[in-house]
N, C-alpha and C. Protein backbone atom coordinates (compact mmCIF):
# COMPACT_ATOMS: atom_id res chain seq x y z
N UNK A 1 -11.56 9.05 -6.76
CA UNK A 1 -10.19 9.12 -7.36
C UNK A 1 -9.83 7.34 -7.49
N UNK A 2 -10.17 6.78 -7.29
CA UNK A 2 -10.23 5.64 -7.48
C UNK A 2 -10.11 5.48 -9.34
N UNK A 3 -11.08 5.34 -9.87
CA UNK A 3 -10.83 5.61 -10.84
C UNK A 3 -9.95 6.04 -12.12
N UNK A 4 -9.48 7.15 -11.37
CA UNK A 4 -8.33 8.24 -11.91
C UNK A 4 -6.55 6.72 -11.77
N UNK A 5 -6.82 6.47 -11.11
CA UNK A 5 -5.83 4.82 -10.74
C UNK A 5 -6.15 4.17 -11.52
N UNK A 6 -7.42 3.93 -12.13
CA UNK A 6 -7.34 2.30 -12.39
C UNK A 6 -7.39 2.80 -14.07
N UNK A 7 -7.44 4.02 -14.57
CA UNK A 7 -7.11 4.11 -15.91
C UNK A 7 -6.20 4.31 -15.78
N UNK A 8 -4.78 5.19 -14.84
CA UNK A 8 -3.69 4.83 -15.06
C UNK A 8 -2.83 3.71 -15.13
N UNK A 9 -3.73 2.19 -13.93
CA UNK A 9 -3.14 1.43 -14.07
C UNK A 9 -3.39 0.69 -15.88
N UNK A 10 -5.12 0.98 -15.98
CA UNK A 10 -5.38 0.19 -17.43
C UNK A 10 -4.08 0.42 -18.62
N UNK A 11 -3.47 1.60 -18.60
CA UNK A 11 -2.84 2.59 -19.54
C UNK A 11 -1.33 1.97 -19.17
N UNK A 12 -0.65 2.13 -18.08
CA UNK A 12 0.46 1.40 -17.88
C UNK A 12 0.62 0.09 -18.15
N UNK A 13 -0.34 -0.86 -18.11
CA UNK A 13 -0.19 -2.29 -18.56
C UNK A 13 -0.64 -2.23 -20.12
N UNK A 14 -1.23 -1.45 -20.22
CA UNK A 14 -1.23 -1.61 -22.01
C UNK A 14 0.75 -1.21 -22.44
N UNK A 15 0.84 -0.53 -21.95
CA UNK A 15 2.50 -0.17 -21.94
C UNK A 15 3.18 -1.13 -21.67
N UNK A 16 3.10 -2.27 -20.64
CA UNK A 16 3.59 -3.01 -19.99
C UNK A 16 3.58 -4.21 -21.09
N UNK A 17 2.47 -4.53 -21.64
CA UNK A 17 2.22 -5.59 -23.14
C UNK A 17 3.02 -5.53 -24.20
N UNK A 18 3.01 -3.93 -24.48
CA UNK A 18 4.07 -3.51 -25.74
C UNK A 18 5.31 -3.82 -25.21
N UNK A 19 5.63 -3.22 -24.58
CA UNK A 19 7.59 -3.14 -24.21
C UNK A 19 7.72 -4.48 -23.27
N UNK A 20 7.03 -5.38 -22.84
CA UNK A 20 7.25 -7.06 -22.83
C UNK A 20 7.39 -7.71 -24.09
N UNK A 21 6.78 -7.40 -25.52
CA UNK A 21 6.57 -8.28 -26.26
C UNK A 21 7.62 -7.65 -27.08
N UNK A 22 8.26 -6.55 -27.12
CA UNK A 22 9.46 -6.27 -27.77
C UNK A 22 10.74 -6.67 -26.97
N UNK A 23 10.39 -6.73 -25.58
CA UNK A 23 11.48 -7.42 -24.57
C UNK A 23 11.87 -8.66 -24.46
N UNK A 24 10.95 -9.49 -24.91
CA UNK A 24 11.23 -10.80 -24.84
C UNK A 24 11.35 -11.36 -26.15
N UNK A 25 11.45 -11.06 -27.03
CA UNK A 25 11.81 -11.40 -28.47
C UNK A 25 13.11 -12.65 -28.62
N UNK A 26 14.24 -11.95 -27.64
CA UNK A 26 15.27 -12.44 -28.05
C UNK A 26 15.76 -13.10 -26.77
N UNK A 27 15.24 -13.47 -25.91
CA UNK A 27 15.77 -13.80 -24.08
C UNK A 27 14.26 -14.74 -24.08
N UNK A 28 14.61 -15.48 -23.25
CA UNK A 28 14.05 -16.24 -22.33
C UNK A 28 13.05 -15.52 -21.56
N UNK A 29 12.28 -16.34 -21.31
CA UNK A 29 10.59 -15.33 -21.41
C UNK A 29 10.93 -15.61 -19.35
N UNK A 30 11.25 -15.72 -18.87
CA UNK A 30 11.44 -16.46 -17.30
C UNK A 30 12.43 -15.62 -16.96
N UNK A 31 13.72 -15.18 -17.71
CA UNK A 31 14.82 -14.28 -17.51
C UNK A 31 14.32 -12.62 -17.79
N UNK A 32 13.33 -12.79 -18.03
CA UNK A 32 12.73 -11.23 -18.59
C UNK A 32 11.81 -10.79 -17.32
N UNK A 33 11.14 -12.11 -17.19
CA UNK A 33 10.52 -11.61 -16.23
C UNK A 33 11.07 -11.76 -15.10
N UNK A 34 12.13 -12.04 -14.53
CA UNK A 34 12.79 -11.98 -13.30
C UNK A 34 13.78 -10.27 -13.24
N UNK A 35 14.15 -9.87 -14.72
CA UNK A 35 14.08 -8.72 -14.65
C UNK A 35 13.30 -7.74 -14.26
N UNK A 36 12.45 -7.42 -15.18
CA UNK A 36 11.17 -7.11 -14.57
C UNK A 36 10.84 -6.65 -13.70
N UNK A 37 10.93 -7.50 -12.71
CA UNK A 37 11.02 -8.23 -11.12
C UNK A 37 12.05 -7.03 -10.03
N UNK A 38 12.83 -7.35 -10.98
CA UNK A 38 13.91 -6.41 -9.90
C UNK A 38 13.60 -5.11 -10.06
N UNK A 39 13.74 -4.60 -11.39
CA UNK A 39 13.40 -2.98 -11.71
C UNK A 39 11.81 -2.78 -10.47
N UNK A 40 11.23 -3.57 -10.66
CA UNK A 40 9.48 -3.43 -9.80
C UNK A 40 9.91 -3.57 -8.67
N UNK A 41 10.55 -3.94 -8.32
CA UNK A 41 11.64 -4.02 -6.62
C UNK A 41 11.97 -2.63 -6.19
N UNK A 42 13.26 -2.50 -7.09
CA UNK A 42 13.37 -0.93 -6.92
C UNK A 42 12.91 -0.22 -6.84
N UNK A 43 11.36 -0.11 -7.79
CA UNK A 43 10.84 1.28 -7.54
C UNK A 43 9.80 1.53 -6.54
N UNK A 44 9.49 -0.27 -6.19
CA UNK A 44 8.57 0.22 -4.76
C UNK A 44 9.17 0.48 -4.02
N UNK A 45 9.74 -0.34 -3.27
CA UNK A 45 11.15 0.09 -2.00
C UNK A 45 11.36 1.59 -1.86
N UNK A 46 11.46 1.93 -3.15
CA UNK A 46 12.05 3.80 -3.71
C UNK A 46 10.98 4.37 -3.05
N UNK A 47 9.52 4.06 -3.64
CA UNK A 47 8.55 4.93 -3.38
C UNK A 47 8.31 4.82 -1.94
N UNK A 48 8.35 3.85 -0.97
CA UNK A 48 8.70 3.44 0.62
C UNK A 48 9.30 3.83 1.15
N UNK A 49 10.51 4.17 0.38
CA UNK A 49 11.53 4.71 1.48
C UNK A 49 11.65 6.34 1.23
N UNK A 50 10.76 6.82 0.29
CA UNK A 50 10.64 8.08 -0.03
C UNK A 50 9.75 8.56 1.01
N UNK A 51 8.75 7.88 0.71
CA UNK A 51 7.58 8.34 2.05
C UNK A 51 7.94 8.21 3.59
N UNK A 52 9.42 7.84 3.53
CA UNK A 52 9.30 7.41 5.06
C UNK A 52 8.47 6.05 5.59
N UNK A 53 8.07 5.17 5.09
CA UNK A 53 7.02 4.21 5.56
C UNK A 53 7.99 3.06 5.86
N UNK A 54 8.91 2.79 6.16
CA UNK A 54 10.11 1.50 6.42
C UNK A 54 9.61 0.94 7.57
N UNK A 55 9.01 1.89 8.78
CA UNK A 55 9.08 1.43 9.94
C UNK A 55 7.31 1.53 10.31
N UNK A 56 6.67 0.67 9.37
CA UNK A 56 5.48 0.87 9.12
C UNK A 56 5.40 -1.11 9.48
N UNK A 57 6.55 -1.93 8.85
CA UNK A 57 6.91 -2.85 8.27
C UNK A 57 6.36 -3.44 9.91
N UNK A 58 7.18 -3.14 10.97
CA UNK A 58 6.84 -3.74 12.47
C UNK A 58 5.00 -3.84 12.64
N UNK A 59 4.56 -3.22 12.33
CA UNK A 59 2.79 -3.28 12.53
C UNK A 59 2.41 -3.88 11.41
N UNK A 60 2.96 -4.54 10.52
CA UNK A 60 2.34 -5.62 9.83
C UNK A 60 1.92 -7.29 10.27
N UNK A 61 0.83 -6.96 10.48
CA UNK A 61 0.30 -8.65 10.60
C UNK A 61 0.34 -9.76 10.57
N UNK A 62 0.83 -11.27 11.07
CA UNK A 62 0.67 -12.53 10.27
C UNK A 62 -0.25 -12.97 9.38
N UNK A 63 -1.42 -12.44 9.72
CA UNK A 63 -2.79 -12.79 8.27
C UNK A 63 -2.01 -11.61 7.38
N UNK A 64 -2.27 -10.19 7.53
CA UNK A 64 -1.56 -9.82 6.15
C UNK A 64 -0.33 -10.24 5.62
N UNK A 65 0.61 -10.45 6.68
CA UNK A 65 1.87 -11.02 5.61
C UNK A 65 1.41 -12.24 4.94
N UNK A 66 0.18 -13.10 5.56
CA UNK A 66 -0.11 -14.24 4.92
C UNK A 66 -0.34 -13.93 3.36
N UNK A 67 -1.28 -12.40 3.56
CA UNK A 67 -1.97 -13.00 2.08
C UNK A 67 -1.28 -11.78 1.20
N UNK A 68 -0.30 -11.02 1.75
CA UNK A 68 0.17 -10.31 0.51
C UNK A 68 1.67 -11.29 0.58
N UNK A 69 1.98 -12.26 0.76
CA UNK A 69 2.90 -12.97 0.40
C UNK A 69 1.79 -13.59 -1.09
N UNK A 70 1.02 -14.41 -0.31
CA UNK A 70 -0.01 -15.19 -1.29
C UNK A 70 -0.22 -14.14 -2.79
N UNK A 71 -0.53 -12.93 -2.36
CA UNK A 71 -0.79 -11.93 -3.64
C UNK A 71 0.41 -11.96 -4.30
N UNK A 72 1.35 -11.87 -3.77
CA UNK A 72 3.01 -11.75 -4.41
C UNK A 72 2.99 -13.27 -5.12
N UNK A 73 2.85 -14.21 -4.68
CA UNK A 73 2.67 -15.62 -5.41
C UNK A 73 1.67 -15.64 -6.84
N UNK A 74 0.80 -15.68 -6.55
CA UNK A 74 -0.07 -15.21 -7.80
C UNK A 74 0.56 -14.19 -8.86
N UNK A 75 1.15 -12.92 -8.44
CA UNK A 75 1.49 -12.19 -9.53
C UNK A 75 2.80 -12.41 -10.22
N UNK A 76 3.50 -13.22 -9.49
CA UNK A 76 4.82 -13.86 -10.15
C UNK A 76 4.53 -14.93 -11.20
N UNK A 77 3.98 -15.82 -10.89
CA UNK A 77 2.95 -16.93 -11.62
C UNK A 77 2.15 -15.89 -12.71
N UNK A 78 1.22 -15.20 -12.48
CA UNK A 78 0.72 -14.24 -13.32
C UNK A 78 1.66 -13.95 -15.00
N UNK A 79 2.46 -13.16 -14.13
CA UNK A 79 4.05 -12.10 -15.04
C UNK A 79 4.48 -13.68 -15.86
N UNK A 80 4.93 -15.01 -15.29
CA UNK A 80 5.44 -15.57 -15.57
C UNK A 80 4.63 -16.15 -17.02
N UNK A 81 3.37 -16.47 -16.72
CA UNK A 81 2.57 -16.97 -17.79
C UNK A 81 2.37 -15.96 -19.17
N UNK A 82 2.26 -15.07 -18.09
CA UNK A 82 2.20 -13.56 -19.38
C UNK A 82 3.22 -13.48 -20.60
N UNK A 83 4.32 -13.54 -19.59
CA UNK A 83 5.41 -12.93 -20.66
C UNK A 83 5.71 -14.47 -21.55
N UNK A 84 5.51 -15.39 -21.48
CA UNK A 84 5.11 -16.69 -22.35
C UNK A 84 4.12 -16.40 -23.27
N UNK A 85 3.20 -16.35 -22.82
CA UNK A 85 2.27 -15.98 -23.97
C UNK A 85 2.41 -14.56 -25.09
N UNK A 86 2.82 -13.63 -24.44
CA UNK A 86 3.50 -12.46 -24.90
C UNK A 86 4.85 -12.98 -25.96
N UNK A 87 5.42 -14.35 -25.71
CA UNK A 87 6.34 -14.73 -26.46
C UNK A 87 6.43 -15.07 -27.93
N UNK A 88 4.85 -15.94 -27.31
CA UNK A 88 4.63 -16.71 -28.84
C UNK A 88 3.33 -16.39 -29.34
N UNK A 89 2.72 -15.44 -28.80
CA UNK A 89 1.40 -14.56 -29.43
C UNK A 89 1.74 -13.56 -29.64
N UNK A 90 0.25 -13.04 -30.50
CA UNK A 90 0.36 -11.48 -30.37
C UNK A 90 -0.24 -10.60 -29.40
N UNK A 91 0.58 -9.54 -28.98
CA UNK A 91 -0.27 -8.68 -28.27
C UNK A 91 -1.63 -8.25 -27.72
N UNK A 92 -1.78 -8.08 -29.33
CA UNK A 92 -3.10 -7.54 -29.39
C UNK A 92 -4.34 -8.92 -29.34
N UNK A 93 -3.74 -9.61 -29.16
CA UNK A 93 -4.36 -11.02 -28.87
C UNK A 93 -4.52 -11.44 -27.01
N UNK A 94 -2.83 -11.34 -26.78
CA UNK A 94 -2.44 -11.90 -25.85
C UNK A 94 -3.66 -11.35 -24.71
N UNK A 95 -3.04 -9.71 -24.77
CA UNK A 95 -3.57 -8.73 -23.36
C UNK A 95 -5.18 -9.24 -23.17
N UNK A 96 -6.14 -9.06 -24.49
CA UNK A 96 -7.11 -9.06 -24.49
C UNK A 96 -7.90 -10.80 -23.60
N UNK A 97 -6.87 -11.19 -23.57
CA UNK A 97 -7.51 -12.93 -23.10
C UNK A 97 -7.12 -12.39 -21.28
N UNK A 98 -6.00 -11.98 -21.21
CA UNK A 98 -5.39 -11.68 -20.21
C UNK A 98 -6.39 -10.55 -19.37
N UNK A 99 -7.32 -10.24 -19.73
CA UNK A 99 -7.97 -9.26 -18.93
C UNK A 99 -9.88 -10.32 -19.00
N UNK A 100 -9.24 -11.54 -18.80
CA UNK A 100 -9.96 -12.38 -18.12
C UNK A 100 -10.25 -12.49 -16.76
N UNK A 101 -9.04 -12.32 -16.64
CA UNK A 101 -8.88 -11.92 -15.16
C UNK A 101 -10.01 -11.18 -14.08
N UNK A 102 -10.14 -9.97 -15.10
CA UNK A 102 -11.17 -8.92 -14.47
C UNK A 102 -12.72 -9.64 -14.48
N UNK A 103 -13.24 -10.62 -14.92
CA UNK A 103 -14.31 -11.24 -14.99
C UNK A 103 -14.03 -12.49 -13.62
N UNK A 104 -13.09 -12.78 -13.30
CA UNK A 104 -12.53 -14.09 -12.71
C UNK A 104 -12.37 -13.17 -11.26
N UNK A 105 -12.02 -12.24 -11.23
CA UNK A 105 -11.89 -11.79 -10.00
C UNK A 105 -13.51 -10.95 -9.16
N UNK A 106 -13.80 -10.63 -10.65
CA UNK A 106 -15.49 -10.43 -10.30
C UNK A 106 -16.45 -11.63 -9.13
N UNK A 107 -16.13 -12.75 -9.85
CA UNK A 107 -16.68 -13.64 -9.38
C UNK A 107 -15.98 -14.20 -7.83
N UNK A 108 -14.61 -14.07 -8.04
CA UNK A 108 -14.26 -14.44 -6.81
C UNK A 108 -14.27 -12.87 -5.85
N UNK A 109 -14.72 -12.12 -5.80
CA UNK A 109 -15.02 -11.32 -4.88
C UNK A 109 -16.65 -11.31 -4.44
N UNK A 110 -16.91 -11.94 -5.64
CA UNK A 110 -18.54 -11.88 -4.92
C UNK A 110 -18.74 -13.53 -3.98
N UNK A 111 -18.34 -14.40 -4.60
CA UNK A 111 -17.83 -15.15 -3.25
C UNK A 111 -17.23 -15.62 -1.70
N UNK A 112 -16.08 -15.08 -2.20
CA UNK A 112 -15.08 -14.56 -1.11
C UNK A 112 -15.48 -13.38 -0.41
N UNK A 113 -15.74 -12.07 -0.69
CA UNK A 113 -15.48 -10.85 -0.60
C UNK A 113 -16.92 -10.49 0.19
N UNK A 114 -17.76 -11.16 -0.68
CA UNK A 114 -18.91 -11.02 -0.36
C UNK A 114 -19.93 -9.78 -1.01
N UNK A 115 -18.86 -9.26 -2.15
CA UNK A 115 -19.27 -8.00 -2.70
C UNK A 115 -21.01 -7.71 -3.60
N UNK A 116 -21.20 -7.10 -3.74
CA UNK A 116 -22.18 -6.94 -4.45
C UNK A 116 -22.31 -7.13 -5.81
N UNK A 117 -23.18 -7.89 -6.42
CA UNK A 117 -22.95 -7.84 -7.98
C UNK A 117 -24.38 -7.46 -8.70
N UNK A 118 -24.49 -6.34 -9.73
CA UNK A 118 -25.86 -5.64 -10.39
C UNK A 118 -25.75 -6.32 -11.66
N UNK A 119 -26.53 -5.92 -12.90
CA UNK A 119 -26.90 -6.13 -14.00
C UNK A 119 -25.63 -5.40 -14.70
N UNK A 120 -25.07 -4.22 -14.50
CA UNK A 120 -24.54 -3.56 -14.89
C UNK A 120 -22.98 -4.59 -15.06
N UNK A 121 -22.71 -4.89 -14.07
CA UNK A 121 -21.34 -5.79 -13.80
C UNK A 121 -21.54 -7.22 -14.23
N UNK A 122 -22.70 -7.58 -14.43
CA UNK A 122 -22.94 -8.87 -14.55
C UNK A 122 -22.28 -8.76 -16.56
N UNK A 123 -22.84 -7.84 -16.83
CA UNK A 123 -23.30 -7.27 -18.31
C UNK A 123 -21.86 -6.69 -18.74
N UNK A 124 -20.72 -6.36 -18.09
CA UNK A 124 -19.60 -5.72 -18.42
C UNK A 124 -18.90 -7.59 -18.66
N UNK A 125 -19.06 -8.48 -17.71
CA UNK A 125 -18.43 -9.32 -17.55
C UNK A 125 -18.83 -10.21 -18.52
N UNK A 126 -19.76 -10.54 -18.76
CA UNK A 126 -20.30 -10.97 -20.27
C UNK A 126 -19.86 -10.73 -21.62
N UNK A 127 -19.36 -8.90 -21.22
CA UNK A 127 -18.88 -8.80 -22.50
C UNK A 127 -16.85 -8.82 -22.63
N UNK A 128 -16.70 -8.51 -21.48
CA UNK A 128 -15.51 -9.20 -21.68
C UNK A 128 -14.98 -10.49 -21.73
N UNK A 129 -16.02 -11.61 -21.26
CA UNK A 129 -15.72 -12.75 -21.43
C UNK A 129 -15.81 -12.85 -23.22
N UNK A 130 -17.12 -12.35 -23.98
CA UNK A 130 -17.35 -12.90 -25.27
C UNK A 130 -15.97 -12.21 -26.42
N UNK A 131 -15.53 -11.16 -25.88
CA UNK A 131 -14.57 -10.48 -26.16
C UNK A 131 -13.21 -11.18 -26.16
N UNK A 132 -12.93 -11.55 -25.38
CA UNK A 132 -12.17 -13.09 -24.54
C UNK A 132 -12.08 -13.95 -25.93
N UNK A 133 -13.45 -14.88 -25.86
CA UNK A 133 -13.01 -15.74 -26.49
C UNK A 133 -12.92 -15.47 -27.99
N UNK A 134 -13.63 -14.58 -28.07
CA UNK A 134 -13.36 -13.72 -29.67
C UNK A 134 -11.70 -14.08 -30.34
N UNK A 135 -11.13 -13.16 -29.03
CA UNK A 135 -9.79 -13.19 -29.73
C UNK A 135 -9.05 -14.78 -29.27
N UNK A 136 -9.53 -16.20 -28.39
CA UNK A 136 -8.90 -16.81 -28.95
C UNK A 136 -9.33 -18.03 -30.01
N UNK A 137 -10.31 -17.18 -30.89
CA UNK A 137 -10.70 -17.50 -31.74
C UNK A 137 -9.74 -18.09 -33.12
N UNK A 138 -9.13 -18.77 -33.47
CA UNK A 138 -8.23 -18.23 -34.99
C UNK A 138 -8.54 -18.00 -35.61
């Protein structure tokens, strides 16, 4: 099932790049990010409330809070830089370079989460890296 969610994530990430590129044409990218984040906030809490999961907040441990807050901060910074890049660069070049996050995730998950890495993962990461480098060259 995770594969379907991952493919849907990729599809909506692609739409994000296109919609964001159009959306940041005439406004400050920081303001655009704030508007986008507000929409996400309403959608996410709407899903939580519709699923009656709000009562589960009391069960969240301090460690979980810490890492969710760190994740939120990293996401916010990622979006701010992504929108700045989209404002000045081509979406068709910014999005693939942004996908270097996949390679960085593979490295960090190996180092910190002790997830296994095999030849297929390494080859995939090298291909993503190569594609990103090609996109960076003018």
